[in-house]
Protein backbone atom coordinates (compact mmCIF):
# COMPACT_ATOMS: atom_id res chain seq x y z
CA UNK A 1 -4.81 -8.97 -2.60
CA UNK A 2 -7.31 -9.22 -0.05
CA UNK A 3 -8.29 -5.36 -1.29
CA UNK A 4 -9.10 -5.90 -4.28
CA UNK A 5 -11.40 -8.73 -3.50
CA UNK A 6 -12.90 -6.43 -1.22
CA UNK A 7 -14.55 -3.74 -4.47
CA UNK A 8 -16.80 -6.69 -5.75
CA UNK A 9 -19.43 -8.62 -4.11
CA UNK A 10 -19.30 -11.69 -2.09
CA UNK A 11 -20.81 -13.84 -5.32
CA UNK A 12 -18.19 -13.06 -7.45
CA UNK A 13 -15.48 -15.95 -8.18
CA UNK A 14 -11.66 -14.45 -7.95
CA UNK A 15 -9.03 -15.36 -9.74
CA UNK A 16 -5.75 -14.51 -9.37
CA UNK A 17 -2.69 -14.83 -12.02
CA UNK A 18 0.38 -14.03 -11.53
CA UNK A 19 2.06 -11.28 -13.93
CA UNK A 20 4.94 -12.57 -13.78
CA UNK A 21 3.47 -16.25 -15.28
CA UNK A 22 2.51 -17.22 -18.98
CA UNK A 23 -0.46 -18.08 -18.67
CA UNK A 24 -2.63 -18.02 -21.23
CA UNK A 25 -6.73 -16.84 -20.43
CA UNK A 26 -9.02 -18.21 -22.60
CA UNK A 27 -12.78 -17.39 -21.43
CA UNK A 28 -14.66 -13.78 -21.68
CA UNK A 29 -14.75 -12.33 -18.23
CA UNK A 30 -17.05 -9.63 -16.85
CA UNK A 31 -14.04 -8.10 -14.79
CA UNK A 32 -10.03 -7.44 -15.15
CA UNK A 33 -7.96 -5.64 -12.52
CA UNK A 34 -4.58 -4.78 -13.40
CA UNK A 35 -2.20 -4.00 -10.29
CA UNK A 36 1.18 -4.83 -11.67
CA UNK A 37 4.07 -2.76 -13.19
CA UNK A 38 4.87 -5.64 -15.76
CA UNK A 39 1.90 -4.80 -17.74
CA UNK A 40 2.54 -2.63 -20.78
CA UNK A 41 0.40 -1.30 -23.33
CA UNK A 42 0.35 -4.02 -25.23
CA UNK A 43 -0.45 -6.74 -22.78
CA UNK A 44 -3.59 -4.44 -21.20
CA UNK A 45 -4.93 -4.34 -24.84
CA UNK A 46 -5.00 -7.72 -25.30
CA UNK A 47 -6.47 -8.29 -21.38
CA UNK A 48 -8.90 -5.60 -22.33
CA UNK A 49 -10.64 -8.41 -25.53
CA UNK A 50 -11.40 -10.94 -23.12
CA UNK A 51 -12.62 -8.49 -20.31
CA UNK A 52 -16.10 -6.77 -20.19
CA UNK A 53 -14.53 -3.91 -18.19
CA UNK A 54 -10.59 -3.29 -17.48
CA UNK A 55 -9.61 -1.74 -14.28
CA UNK A 56 -5.99 -1.12 -13.58
CA UNK A 57 -4.82 0.01 -10.60
CA UNK A 58 -1.52 3.49 -11.23
CA UNK A 59 0.70 5.32 -9.47
CA UNK A 60 2.04 6.78 -12.48
CA UNK A 61 2.75 5.17 -14.94
CA UNK A 62 4.55 6.37 -18.26
CA UNK A 63 2.92 4.66 -20.99
CA UNK A 64 -0.46 4.92 -22.71
CA UNK A 65 -3.61 3.31 -21.35
CA UNK A 66 -6.33 0.51 -22.98
CA UNK A 67 -8.63 0.15 -19.50
CA UNK A 68 -11.64 1.34 -19.17
CA UNK A 69 -11.18 2.40 -15.35
CA UNK A 70 -8.01 4.06 -14.21
CA UNK A 71 -7.85 4.12 -9.99
CA UNK A 72 -4.99 6.09 -8.75
CA UNK A 73 -5.56 6.92 -5.17
CA UNK A 74 -2.92 9.37 -4.73
CA UNK A 75 -3.81 12.77 -3.30
CA UNK A 76 -1.59 13.88 -5.85
CA UNK A 77 -3.23 12.32 -8.84
CA UNK A 78 -4.81 15.07 -11.20
CA UNK A 79 -6.42 14.35 -15.16
CA UNK A 80 -3.68 16.43 -16.57
CA UNK A 81 -1.26 13.34 -15.58
CA UNK A 82 -3.78 10.92 -17.96
CA UNK A 83 -3.71 13.85 -21.11
CA UNK A 84 -2.44 12.04 -24.51
CA UNK A 85 -2.19 8.28 -22.66
CA UNK A 86 -6.31 7.64 -22.60
CA UNK A 87 -9.20 7.10 -24.95
CA UNK A 88 -12.16 6.36 -23.74
CA UNK A 89 -11.45 6.36 -20.19
CA UNK A 90 -13.05 6.55 -17.22
CA UNK A 91 -10.32 8.45 -14.28
CA UNK A 92 -11.26 7.97 -10.32
CA UNK A 93 -8.22 9.77 -9.15
CA UNK A 94 -7.15 10.81 -5.33
CA UNK A 95 -7.65 10.16 -2.11
CA UNK A 96 -11.19 9.11 -1.99
CA UNK A 97 -11.22 6.25 -4.28
CA UNK A 98 -8.03 4.63 -2.23
CA UNK A 99 -9.51 1.42 -1.16
CA UNK A 100 -6.80 0.62 0.77
CA UNK A 101 -7.59 3.01 3.23
CA UNK A 102 -11.09 2.46 3.39
CA UNK A 103 -12.25 -0.50 3.38
CA UNK A 104 -9.11 -1.52 6.10
CA UNK A 105 -10.51 -2.09 9.95
CA UNK A 106 -8.98 -0.39 12.18
CA UNK A 107 -7.67 -2.30 15.63
CA UNK A 108 -7.22 -1.12 18.72
CA UNK A 109 -3.45 -2.28 20.36
CA UNK A 110 -2.07 -1.08 23.79
CA UNK A 111 1.66 -0.49 24.44
CA UNK A 112 2.59 -2.04 27.31
CA UNK A 113 6.37 -3.27 28.50
CA UNK A 114 7.78 -4.11 25.37
CA UNK A 115 7.40 -2.93 21.08
CA UNK A 116 7.36 -5.32 18.24
CA UNK A 117 8.68 -4.58 14.75
CA UNK A 118 7.97 -4.72 11.18
CA UNK A 119 10.18 -3.89 8.34
CA UNK A 120 9.55 -4.22 4.43
CA UNK A 121 10.89 -2.30 2.08
CA UNK A 122 10.41 -4.14 -1.09
CA UNK A 123 10.58 -7.76 -2.36
CA UNK A 124 14.58 -7.10 -3.53
CA UNK A 125 17.30 -7.34 -1.10
CA UNK A 126 18.33 -3.90 0.47
CA UNK A 127 21.45 -5.68 2.84
CA UNK A 128 22.83 -2.17 3.63
CA UNK A 129 19.71 -0.90 5.79
CA UNK A 130 18.54 -3.81 6.77
CA UNK A 131 21.64 -4.60 7.97
CA UNK A 132 22.54 -0.83 9.90
CA UNK A 133 18.56 -0.90 10.81
CA UNK A 134 18.38 -4.18 13.14
CA UNK A 135 21.79 -3.80 14.85
CA UNK A 136 19.89 -0.64 16.34
CA UNK A 137 17.19 -2.50 17.34
CA UNK A 138 18.94 -5.37 19.06
CA UNK A 139 20.89 -3.08 20.67
CA UNK A 140 17.59 -1.99 22.68
CA UNK A 141 15.77 -4.42 25.31
CA UNK A 142 12.79 -2.94 24.83
CA UNK A 143 12.48 -4.19 21.28
CA UNK A 144 11.21 -8.04 22.04
CA UNK A 145 10.59 -8.33 17.97
CA UNK A 146 11.13 -7.52 14.09
CA UNK A 147 9.03 -9.34 11.80
CA UNK A 148 11.08 -8.99 8.53
CA UNK A 149 9.39 -9.04 4.64
CA UNK A 150 10.90 -8.88 1.67
CA UNK A 151 14.74 -7.98 1.44
CA UNK A 152 15.15 -11.23 -0.95
CA UNK A 153 13.36 -14.18 1.53
CA UNK A 154 10.21 -15.93 0.55
CA UNK A 155 6.75 -14.08 -0.63
CA UNK A 156 4.50 -15.00 2.09
CA UNK A 157 0.54 -14.46 2.35
CA UNK A 158 -0.63 -11.16 2.78
CA UNK A 159 -3.14 -12.08 5.57
CA UNK A 160 0.28 -12.75 7.42
CA UNK A 161 2.27 -10.10 7.14
CA UNK A 162 -1.28 -7.65 7.88
CA UNK A 163 -1.40 -10.09 11.11
CA UNK A 164 1.99 -9.02 11.58
CA UNK A 165 0.98 -5.57 11.05
CA UNK A 166 -1.68 -5.24 13.34
CA UNK A 167 0.55 -7.11 16.13
CA UNK A 168 3.39 -4.45 15.00
CA UNK A 169 3.78 -1.24 16.93
CA UNK A 170 6.50 0.26 14.69
CA UNK A 171 6.77 0.18 11.03
CA UNK A 172 9.47 0.73 9.03
CA UNK A 173 8.13 0.52 5.08
CA UNK A 174 8.81 1.08 1.69
CA UNK A 175 6.14 3.80 0.58
CA UNK A 176 4.02 1.63 -1.72
CA UNK A 177 0.64 -0.20 -0.91
CA UNK A 178 2.46 -1.42 2.12
CA UNK A 179 2.19 2.27 3.56
CA UNK A 180 -1.47 2.99 2.73
CA UNK A 181 -2.17 -0.31 5.07
CA UNK A 182 0.07 1.37 8.13
CA UNK A 183 -1.57 4.02 8.05
CA UNK A 184 -4.56 2.36 7.79
CA UNK A 185 -3.83 1.15 11.09
CA UNK A 186 -2.27 4.86 12.84
CA UNK A 187 0.43 3.21 12.87
CA UNK A 188 3.71 4.97 13.95
CA UNK A 189 6.06 4.88 10.69
CA UNK A 190 9.63 5.20 9.41
CA UNK A 191 9.17 5.18 5.49
CA UNK A 192 11.41 5.47 2.73
CA UNK A 193 10.88 5.46 -1.30
CA UNK A 194 12.64 2.82 -3.20
CA UNK A 195 11.55 3.93 -6.61
CA UNK A 196 10.07 7.15 -8.13
CA UNK A 197 6.51 5.67 -8.49
CA UNK A 198 6.54 5.76 -4.43
CA UNK A 199 8.42 9.65 -3.79
CA UNK A 200 4.44 11.34 -4.23
CA UNK A 201 3.14 9.35 -1.62
CA UNK A 202 6.77 9.28 0.69
CA UNK A 203 6.08 13.36 0.17
CA UNK A 204 2.36 14.06 0.22
CA UNK A 205 2.33 11.99 3.64
CA UNK A 206 5.77 13.01 5.13
CA UNK A 207 4.00 16.58 5.13
CA UNK A 208 1.39 16.04 6.92
CA UNK A 209 3.47 14.32 9.61
CA UNK A 210 1.75 10.82 9.13
CA UNK A 211 4.90 9.77 8.35
CA UNK A 212 8.99 10.13 9.53
CA UNK A 213 11.74 9.61 7.52
CA UNK A 214 13.99 6.17 8.01
CA UNK A 215 16.54 8.10 8.50
CA UNK A 216 15.07 9.89 12.08
CA UNK A 217 14.88 6.38 13.38
CA UNK A 218 18.03 5.91 14.35
CA UNK A 219 17.36 9.31 16.58
CA UNK A 220 14.21 7.68 17.99
CA UNK A 221 15.86 4.35 18.69
CA UNK A 222 17.62 6.21 21.55
CA UNK A 223 15.22 8.05 23.04
CA UNK A 224 14.50 6.98 26.76
CA UNK A 225 11.94 3.73 27.07
CA UNK A 226 8.88 6.50 28.68
CA UNK A 227 9.30 8.52 25.95
CA UNK A 228 8.97 5.93 23.38
CA UNK A 229 6.37 4.26 25.52
CA UNK A 230 4.62 8.06 25.17
CA UNK A 231 5.46 8.86 21.00
CA UNK A 232 3.88 6.51 20.01
CA UNK A 233 0.95 6.11 21.94
CA UNK A 234 0.21 9.93 20.82
CA UNK A 235 1.30 8.97 16.94
CA UNK A 236 -2.61 7.49 17.23
CA UNK A 237 -3.66 11.21 17.64
CA UNK A 238 -2.08 12.99 14.47
CA UNK A 239 -4.74 10.37 12.49
CA UNK A 240 -8.22 11.75 10.31
CA UNK A 241 -10.18 10.80 8.16
CA UNK A 242 -7.47 10.67 5.53
CA UNK A 243 -10.01 10.82 2.45
CA UNK A 244 -12.09 13.81 1.49
CA UNK A 245 -15.27 12.08 1.64
CA UNK A 246 -16.58 8.73 2.70
CA UNK A 247 -16.61 6.43 -0.38
CA UNK A 248 -18.20 3.12 0.90
CA UNK A 249 -17.82 0.00 0.14
CA UNK A 250 -20.97 0.31 -1.79
CA UNK A 251 -20.77 3.66 -3.74
CA UNK A 252 -17.36 2.57 -4.63
CA UNK A 253 -19.26 -0.88 -6.36
CA UNK A 254 -21.77 1.47 -8.26
CA UNK A 255 -18.61 4.14 -8.94
CA UNK A 256 -17.17 1.08 -11.00
CA UNK A 257 -20.39 -0.81 -12.78
CA UNK A 258 -21.58 2.11 -14.19
């Protein structure tokens, strides 16, 4: 993930390993970063032996941890959740540690005569949701392009995904990491949660008015063209700095390396 790579200086050589594949890592590493639901406590302990410092990106996993550092950038993350799950682990909790938001460049884009939509509801196929969405979108000429990622399709590069996201005016997303990316771009977002781990993000940002429920999209799509353009334009005004303080890349690195 390009956001994880931004946590480190450019002089670092990075190796990305797919957690689903059986890869035997024999050499020693300065840092290891875990960002996978597949890794459990036993696997984490094995990785700890070959990493001088091990970091886990977590979103309320119900297990013990062996890592040196846990990053949970949910605005609802609290120390009490990790009670009796960690031993000598530093906790980086809350919005100020959201490297996705802090390290994403916002690109301005004007909506003209047509609207582009990006849809990502996770890697699994969700035909019952997708079919109803695409049927509604096709009824309106205002929507000239729809980019569909995931949904059982071949995995594309993250770089291409982000390019299409920046190019889009409306995002229909599951409330995981992609939701953070969409919010960082100040997009109009219709969201849902496809797992319980995503629910806290969904509830928090919906309460703050930064996203709308995916069910509302069927109502939104029936508005006049002029009203849709206006809502997309006005949507950007709602966004404020989500972090409690400005944690820069350099400060993040110092804390990670402390």
